[in-house]
């Protein structure tokens, strides 16, 4: 298992596809599963389009529209919307490894998603052989 660190801004998508591909290559695993895990309650990890940067902007806009700030939330830190967004995105994902490579669709990339930065964060990548 490998631990990675990432510094984030207030809210955003951070492409970690290259780190995942490198971890798979370094593992030498030809067939198996790669698990990416984010141990935070106001950040997440997702697979989405990595060809058009407007998709990421639209995703952020969509999450902000779906989860607007609400003065009725009681959480004392004031970041309830970040918790809601993180729970929707999720804290982990699995990628199939086939012939030593991550199995992706043509436009897919992996993103660490920050909803409550700026922060110094971490995520883990674990490669499991079949």
N, C-alpha and C. Protein backbone atom coordinates (compact mmCIF):
# COMPACT_ATOMS: atom_id res chain seq x y z
N UNK A 1 0.84 -1.17 0.00
CA UNK A 1 0.00 0.00 0.00
C UNK A 1 0.89 1.24 0.00
N UNK A 2 0.47 2.25 -0.77
CA UNK A 2 1.23 3.50 -0.84
C UNK A 2 0.37 4.65 -0.34
N UNK A 3 1.03 5.56 0.38
CA UNK A 3 0.36 6.75 0.90
C UNK A 3 0.86 7.96 0.10
N UNK A 4 -0.08 8.79 -0.33
CA UNK A 4 0.24 9.98 -1.10
C UNK A 4 -0.27 11.22 -0.36
N UNK A 5 0.41 12.32 -0.55
CA UNK A 5 -0.01 13.59 0.05
C UNK A 5 -0.36 14.56 -1.07
N UNK A 6 -1.35 15.40 -0.78
CA UNK A 6 -1.79 16.39 -1.75
C UNK A 6 -2.22 17.65 -1.01
N UNK A 7 -1.80 18.80 -1.51
CA UNK A 7 -2.23 20.09 -0.98
C UNK A 7 -3.34 20.61 -1.88
N UNK A 8 -4.44 21.04 -1.29
CA UNK A 8 -5.61 21.43 -2.05
C UNK A 8 -6.01 22.88 -1.80
N UNK A 9 -6.85 23.37 -2.68
CA UNK A 9 -7.47 24.68 -2.52
C UNK A 9 -8.84 24.50 -1.88
N UNK A 10 -9.59 25.54 -1.81
CA UNK A 10 -10.90 25.51 -1.15
C UNK A 10 -11.79 24.37 -1.66
N UNK A 11 -11.97 24.30 -2.96
CA UNK A 11 -12.78 23.25 -3.56
C UNK A 11 -12.23 22.98 -4.95
N UNK A 12 -12.13 21.71 -5.32
CA UNK A 12 -11.64 21.43 -6.66
C UNK A 12 -11.39 19.96 -6.91
N UNK A 13 -11.15 19.67 -8.17
CA UNK A 13 -10.83 18.33 -8.63
C UNK A 13 -9.34 18.28 -8.96
N UNK A 14 -8.66 17.27 -8.46
CA UNK A 14 -7.22 17.12 -8.64
C UNK A 14 -6.96 15.77 -9.32
N UNK A 15 -6.43 15.82 -10.52
CA UNK A 15 -6.21 14.62 -11.31
C UNK A 15 -5.08 13.78 -10.70
N UNK A 16 -5.41 12.57 -10.26
CA UNK A 16 -4.41 11.66 -9.69
C UNK A 16 -4.24 10.40 -10.55
N UNK A 17 -4.70 10.47 -11.79
CA UNK A 17 -4.63 9.32 -12.70
C UNK A 17 -3.21 8.82 -12.87
N UNK A 18 -2.28 9.73 -13.06
CA UNK A 18 -0.88 9.34 -13.28
C UNK A 18 -0.32 8.58 -12.07
N UNK A 19 -0.61 9.05 -10.86
CA UNK A 19 -0.12 8.37 -9.66
C UNK A 19 -0.69 6.96 -9.56
N UNK A 20 -1.95 6.80 -9.92
CA UNK A 20 -2.57 5.47 -9.88
C UNK A 20 -1.93 4.56 -10.92
N UNK A 21 -1.74 5.05 -12.13
CA UNK A 21 -1.11 4.24 -13.18
C UNK A 21 0.31 3.85 -12.80
N UNK A 22 1.06 4.78 -12.21
CA UNK A 22 2.43 4.48 -11.79
C UNK A 22 2.45 3.44 -10.67
N UNK A 23 1.51 3.54 -9.72
CA UNK A 23 1.46 2.56 -8.63
C UNK A 23 1.16 1.17 -9.17
N UNK A 24 0.28 1.08 -10.15
CA UNK A 24 -0.03 -0.21 -10.76
C UNK A 24 1.20 -0.76 -11.47
N UNK A 25 1.87 0.07 -12.25
CA UNK A 25 3.06 -0.37 -12.98
C UNK A 25 4.15 -0.84 -12.02
N UNK A 26 4.40 -0.06 -10.97
CA UNK A 26 5.44 -0.42 -9.99
C UNK A 26 5.11 -1.70 -9.24
N UNK A 27 3.83 -2.01 -9.08
CA UNK A 27 3.44 -3.22 -8.34
C UNK A 27 3.78 -4.49 -9.10
N UNK A 28 3.81 -4.41 -10.43
CA UNK A 28 4.06 -5.59 -11.25
C UNK A 28 2.85 -6.49 -11.39
N UNK A 29 1.73 -6.12 -10.79
CA UNK A 29 0.52 -6.94 -10.87
C UNK A 29 -0.05 -6.88 -12.29
N UNK A 30 -0.33 -8.06 -12.86
CA UNK A 30 -0.85 -8.14 -14.21
C UNK A 30 -2.38 -8.22 -14.25
N UNK A 31 -2.95 -8.79 -13.19
CA UNK A 31 -4.40 -8.95 -13.12
C UNK A 31 -4.83 -8.80 -11.67
N UNK A 32 -5.74 -7.86 -11.43
CA UNK A 32 -6.18 -7.64 -10.06
C UNK A 32 -7.04 -6.40 -9.94
N UNK A 33 -6.96 -5.80 -8.77
CA UNK A 33 -7.77 -4.62 -8.45
C UNK A 33 -6.87 -3.57 -7.81
N UNK A 34 -7.11 -2.33 -8.17
CA UNK A 34 -6.46 -1.19 -7.53
C UNK A 34 -7.53 -0.46 -6.73
N UNK A 35 -7.30 -0.26 -5.45
CA UNK A 35 -8.23 0.46 -4.59
C UNK A 35 -7.62 1.80 -4.24
N UNK A 36 -8.38 2.87 -4.43
CA UNK A 36 -7.97 4.21 -4.02
C UNK A 36 -8.89 4.62 -2.88
N UNK A 37 -8.30 5.04 -1.76
CA UNK A 37 -9.08 5.38 -0.56
C UNK A 37 -8.68 6.74 -0.03
N UNK A 38 -9.66 7.56 0.30
CA UNK A 38 -9.46 8.89 0.87
C UNK A 38 -9.98 8.87 2.31
N UNK A 39 -9.10 9.06 3.31
CA UNK A 39 -9.52 8.98 4.71
C UNK A 39 -9.99 10.31 5.28
N UNK A 40 -10.85 11.00 4.55
CA UNK A 40 -11.34 12.31 5.00
C UNK A 40 -12.85 12.37 4.83
N UNK A 41 -13.51 13.17 5.66
CA UNK A 41 -14.97 13.27 5.59
C UNK A 41 -15.46 14.48 4.80
N UNK A 42 -14.53 15.28 4.29
CA UNK A 42 -14.92 16.42 3.45
C UNK A 42 -14.16 16.42 2.12
N UNK A 43 -13.72 15.26 1.70
CA UNK A 43 -13.06 15.07 0.42
C UNK A 43 -13.47 13.69 -0.10
N UNK A 44 -13.19 13.42 -1.35
CA UNK A 44 -13.56 12.13 -1.91
C UNK A 44 -12.71 11.79 -3.11
N UNK A 45 -13.09 10.72 -3.80
CA UNK A 45 -12.38 10.28 -4.99
C UNK A 45 -13.41 9.78 -5.99
N UNK A 46 -13.19 10.11 -7.26
CA UNK A 46 -14.16 9.74 -8.29
C UNK A 46 -13.48 9.54 -9.64
N UNK A 47 -14.17 8.87 -10.53
CA UNK A 47 -13.75 8.73 -11.93
C UNK A 47 -14.69 9.58 -12.77
N UNK A 48 -14.10 10.40 -13.64
CA UNK A 48 -14.92 11.22 -14.51
C UNK A 48 -14.11 11.58 -15.75
N UNK A 49 -14.70 12.38 -16.62
CA UNK A 49 -14.03 12.78 -17.86
C UNK A 49 -12.80 13.61 -17.56
N UNK A 50 -11.71 13.32 -18.29
CA UNK A 50 -10.49 14.11 -18.11
C UNK A 50 -10.03 14.78 -19.40
N UNK A 51 -10.93 14.87 -20.39
CA UNK A 51 -10.55 15.48 -21.66
C UNK A 51 -10.92 16.96 -21.74
N UNK A 52 -12.05 17.33 -21.19
CA UNK A 52 -12.55 18.70 -21.27
C UNK A 52 -12.60 19.30 -19.87
N UNK A 53 -11.77 20.31 -19.57
CA UNK A 53 -11.76 20.89 -18.22
C UNK A 53 -13.09 21.54 -17.83
N UNK A 54 -13.94 21.85 -18.80
CA UNK A 54 -15.24 22.42 -18.48
C UNK A 54 -16.12 21.43 -17.71
N UNK A 55 -15.88 20.13 -17.89
CA UNK A 55 -16.64 19.13 -17.15
C UNK A 55 -16.39 19.31 -15.65
N UNK A 56 -15.15 19.51 -15.26
CA UNK A 56 -14.81 19.69 -13.84
C UNK A 56 -15.47 20.95 -13.30
N UNK A 57 -15.41 22.04 -14.06
CA UNK A 57 -16.07 23.27 -13.62
C UNK A 57 -17.57 23.05 -13.46
N UNK A 58 -18.17 22.32 -14.40
CA UNK A 58 -19.60 22.04 -14.33
C UNK A 58 -19.93 21.15 -13.14
N UNK A 59 -19.05 20.20 -12.84
CA UNK A 59 -19.27 19.32 -11.68
C UNK A 59 -19.30 20.15 -10.38
N UNK A 60 -18.33 21.03 -10.24
CA UNK A 60 -18.28 21.87 -9.04
C UNK A 60 -19.54 22.74 -8.96
N UNK A 61 -19.92 23.35 -10.06
CA UNK A 61 -21.13 24.17 -10.09
C UNK A 61 -22.35 23.33 -9.72
N UNK A 62 -22.43 22.14 -10.27
CA UNK A 62 -23.55 21.25 -9.98
C UNK A 62 -23.63 20.87 -8.50
N UNK A 63 -22.48 20.53 -7.90
CA UNK A 63 -22.47 20.21 -6.47
C UNK A 63 -22.85 21.41 -5.63
N UNK A 64 -22.37 22.60 -6.01
CA UNK A 64 -22.73 23.80 -5.26
C UNK A 64 -24.22 24.11 -5.38
N UNK A 65 -24.81 23.84 -6.54
CA UNK A 65 -26.25 24.04 -6.70
C UNK A 65 -27.05 23.00 -5.93
N UNK A 66 -26.57 21.76 -5.93
CA UNK A 66 -27.27 20.69 -5.22
C UNK A 66 -27.16 20.82 -3.70
N UNK A 67 -26.04 21.36 -3.24
CA UNK A 67 -25.78 21.49 -1.80
C UNK A 67 -25.39 22.93 -1.46
N UNK A 68 -26.34 23.85 -1.51
CA UNK A 68 -26.01 25.24 -1.18
C UNK A 68 -25.76 25.39 0.33
N UNK A 69 -25.01 26.43 0.67
CA UNK A 69 -24.83 26.73 2.09
C UNK A 69 -26.19 27.04 2.70
N UNK A 70 -26.40 26.56 3.91
CA UNK A 70 -27.68 26.72 4.58
C UNK A 70 -27.40 27.13 6.02
N UNK A 71 -27.92 28.25 6.42
CA UNK A 71 -27.67 28.74 7.78
C UNK A 71 -28.36 27.90 8.85
N UNK A 72 -29.23 26.98 8.44
CA UNK A 72 -29.91 26.11 9.42
C UNK A 72 -29.08 24.90 9.82
N UNK A 73 -27.99 24.62 9.09
CA UNK A 73 -27.14 23.50 9.48
C UNK A 73 -26.53 23.78 10.85
N UNK A 74 -26.42 22.76 11.67
CA UNK A 74 -25.98 22.94 13.05
C UNK A 74 -24.52 22.58 13.31
N UNK A 75 -23.87 21.94 12.36
CA UNK A 75 -22.48 21.53 12.57
C UNK A 75 -21.63 22.75 12.86
N UNK A 76 -20.91 22.72 13.98
CA UNK A 76 -20.22 23.92 14.48
C UNK A 76 -19.09 24.40 13.57
N UNK A 77 -18.51 23.52 12.76
CA UNK A 77 -17.42 23.94 11.87
C UNK A 77 -17.93 24.71 10.65
N UNK A 78 -19.21 24.63 10.38
CA UNK A 78 -19.78 25.35 9.25
C UNK A 78 -19.49 24.74 7.89
N UNK A 79 -19.09 23.47 7.86
CA UNK A 79 -18.75 22.84 6.58
C UNK A 79 -19.67 21.65 6.26
N UNK A 80 -20.92 21.75 6.66
CA UNK A 80 -21.86 20.67 6.40
C UNK A 80 -21.98 20.37 4.92
N UNK A 81 -21.97 21.41 4.07
CA UNK A 81 -22.09 21.15 2.63
C UNK A 81 -20.92 20.30 2.13
N UNK A 82 -19.73 20.50 2.69
CA UNK A 82 -18.58 19.67 2.31
C UNK A 82 -18.80 18.21 2.70
N UNK A 83 -19.39 17.97 3.86
CA UNK A 83 -19.70 16.60 4.29
C UNK A 83 -20.75 15.97 3.36
N UNK A 84 -21.76 16.73 2.99
CA UNK A 84 -22.79 16.21 2.08
C UNK A 84 -22.19 15.84 0.73
N UNK A 85 -21.37 16.72 0.18
CA UNK A 85 -20.74 16.47 -1.12
C UNK A 85 -19.83 15.25 -1.05
N UNK A 86 -19.04 15.16 0.01
CA UNK A 86 -18.11 14.04 0.17
C UNK A 86 -18.86 12.70 0.25
N UNK A 87 -19.95 12.69 1.00
CA UNK A 87 -20.73 11.45 1.11
C UNK A 87 -21.33 11.05 -0.23
N UNK A 88 -21.68 12.03 -1.04
CA UNK A 88 -22.24 11.75 -2.36
C UNK A 88 -21.18 11.18 -3.30
N UNK A 89 -19.98 11.77 -3.28
CA UNK A 89 -18.90 11.31 -4.15
C UNK A 89 -18.36 9.96 -3.69
N UNK A 90 -18.10 9.81 -2.40
CA UNK A 90 -17.57 8.58 -1.85
C UNK A 90 -16.09 8.67 -1.51
N UNK A 91 -15.66 7.79 -0.63
CA UNK A 91 -14.29 7.81 -0.11
C UNK A 91 -13.37 6.81 -0.78
N UNK A 92 -13.90 5.94 -1.65
CA UNK A 92 -13.02 4.96 -2.28
C UNK A 92 -13.58 4.54 -3.63
N UNK A 93 -12.69 3.95 -4.42
CA UNK A 93 -13.11 3.36 -5.68
C UNK A 93 -12.15 2.23 -6.04
N UNK A 94 -12.61 1.37 -6.93
CA UNK A 94 -11.82 0.23 -7.39
C UNK A 94 -11.65 0.31 -8.89
N UNK A 95 -10.44 -0.01 -9.34
CA UNK A 95 -10.13 -0.01 -10.76
C UNK A 95 -9.62 -1.40 -11.12
N UNK A 96 -10.14 -1.97 -12.17
CA UNK A 96 -9.70 -3.28 -12.63
C UNK A 96 -8.32 -3.15 -13.27
N UNK A 97 -7.43 -4.08 -12.93
CA UNK A 97 -6.11 -4.17 -13.56
C UNK A 97 -6.15 -5.35 -14.52
N UNK A 98 -5.85 -5.08 -15.77
CA UNK A 98 -5.83 -6.12 -16.79
C UNK A 98 -4.57 -5.95 -17.63
N UNK A 99 -3.82 -7.01 -17.78
CA UNK A 99 -2.58 -6.98 -18.55
C UNK A 99 -1.63 -5.90 -18.04
N UNK A 100 -1.61 -5.73 -16.71
CA UNK A 100 -0.67 -4.80 -16.07
C UNK A 100 -1.06 -3.34 -16.13
N UNK A 101 -2.26 -3.04 -16.60
CA UNK A 101 -2.69 -1.65 -16.73
C UNK A 101 -4.09 -1.45 -16.17
N UNK A 102 -4.36 -0.19 -15.74
CA UNK A 102 -5.70 0.16 -15.30
C UNK A 102 -6.64 0.10 -16.49
N UNK A 103 -7.82 -0.45 -16.25
CA UNK A 103 -8.83 -0.55 -17.29
C UNK A 103 -9.72 0.69 -17.22
N UNK A 104 -9.51 1.62 -18.15
CA UNK A 104 -10.26 2.86 -18.21
C UNK A 104 -11.02 2.96 -19.52
N UNK A 105 -12.09 3.75 -19.50
CA UNK A 105 -12.74 4.16 -20.73
C UNK A 105 -11.90 5.26 -21.36
N UNK A 106 -12.17 5.57 -22.62
CA UNK A 106 -11.35 6.51 -23.38
C UNK A 106 -11.19 7.87 -22.70
N UNK A 107 -12.21 8.40 -22.07
CA UNK A 107 -12.16 9.75 -21.53
C UNK A 107 -12.06 9.78 -20.01
N UNK A 108 -11.83 8.66 -19.37
CA UNK A 108 -11.86 8.60 -17.91
C UNK A 108 -10.53 8.95 -17.26
N UNK A 109 -10.63 9.63 -16.13
CA UNK A 109 -9.50 9.92 -15.27
C UNK A 109 -9.97 9.81 -13.81
N UNK A 110 -9.01 9.75 -12.91
CA UNK A 110 -9.31 9.63 -11.48
C UNK A 110 -9.01 10.96 -10.81
N UNK A 111 -9.95 11.40 -9.98
CA UNK A 111 -9.82 12.69 -9.32
C UNK A 111 -9.96 12.58 -7.81
N UNK A 112 -9.01 13.21 -7.11
CA UNK A 112 -9.19 13.52 -5.69
C UNK A 112 -10.05 14.77 -5.69
N UNK A 113 -11.14 14.76 -4.92
CA UNK A 113 -12.07 15.89 -4.92
C UNK A 113 -12.07 16.55 -3.54
N UNK A 114 -11.71 17.81 -3.53
CA UNK A 114 -11.67 18.60 -2.29
C UNK A 114 -12.93 19.45 -2.19
N UNK A 115 -13.58 19.37 -1.03
CA UNK A 115 -14.77 20.17 -0.79
C UNK A 115 -14.60 21.15 0.36
N UNK A 116 -13.44 21.14 1.04
CA UNK A 116 -13.31 21.93 2.27
C UNK A 116 -11.91 22.48 2.49
N UNK A 117 -11.17 22.75 1.43
CA UNK A 117 -9.80 23.22 1.60
C UNK A 117 -9.73 24.69 1.92
N UNK A 118 -8.55 25.25 1.90
CA UNK A 118 -7.31 24.53 1.57
C UNK A 118 -6.91 23.60 2.71
N UNK A 119 -6.36 22.47 2.32
CA UNK A 119 -5.95 21.45 3.30
C UNK A 119 -4.74 20.70 2.76
N UNK A 120 -4.03 20.10 3.69
CA UNK A 120 -3.01 19.10 3.34
C UNK A 120 -3.68 17.76 3.57
N UNK A 121 -3.85 17.03 2.50
CA UNK A 121 -4.62 15.78 2.52
C UNK A 121 -3.72 14.59 2.21
N UNK A 122 -4.33 13.43 2.30
CA UNK A 122 -3.65 12.20 1.91
C UNK A 122 -4.66 11.26 1.27
N UNK A 123 -4.13 10.32 0.51
CA UNK A 123 -4.95 9.25 -0.02
C UNK A 123 -4.04 8.02 -0.16
N UNK A 124 -4.68 6.87 -0.25
CA UNK A 124 -3.94 5.61 -0.30
C UNK A 124 -4.29 4.86 -1.59
N UNK A 125 -3.29 4.14 -2.08
CA UNK A 125 -3.50 3.25 -3.22
C UNK A 125 -3.01 1.87 -2.82
N UNK A 126 -3.89 0.89 -2.96
CA UNK A 126 -3.54 -0.50 -2.64
C UNK A 126 -3.82 -1.35 -3.87
N UNK A 127 -2.83 -2.13 -4.25
CA UNK A 127 -2.92 -3.02 -5.41
C UNK A 127 -3.10 -4.44 -4.90
N UNK A 128 -4.13 -5.11 -5.40
CA UNK A 128 -4.44 -6.47 -4.98
C UNK A 128 -4.35 -7.39 -6.18
N UNK A 129 -3.50 -8.38 -6.10
CA UNK A 129 -3.31 -9.34 -7.19
C UNK A 129 -4.43 -10.37 -7.19
N UNK A 130 -4.83 -10.78 -8.38
CA UNK A 130 -5.85 -11.79 -8.53
C UNK A 130 -5.34 -13.16 -8.12
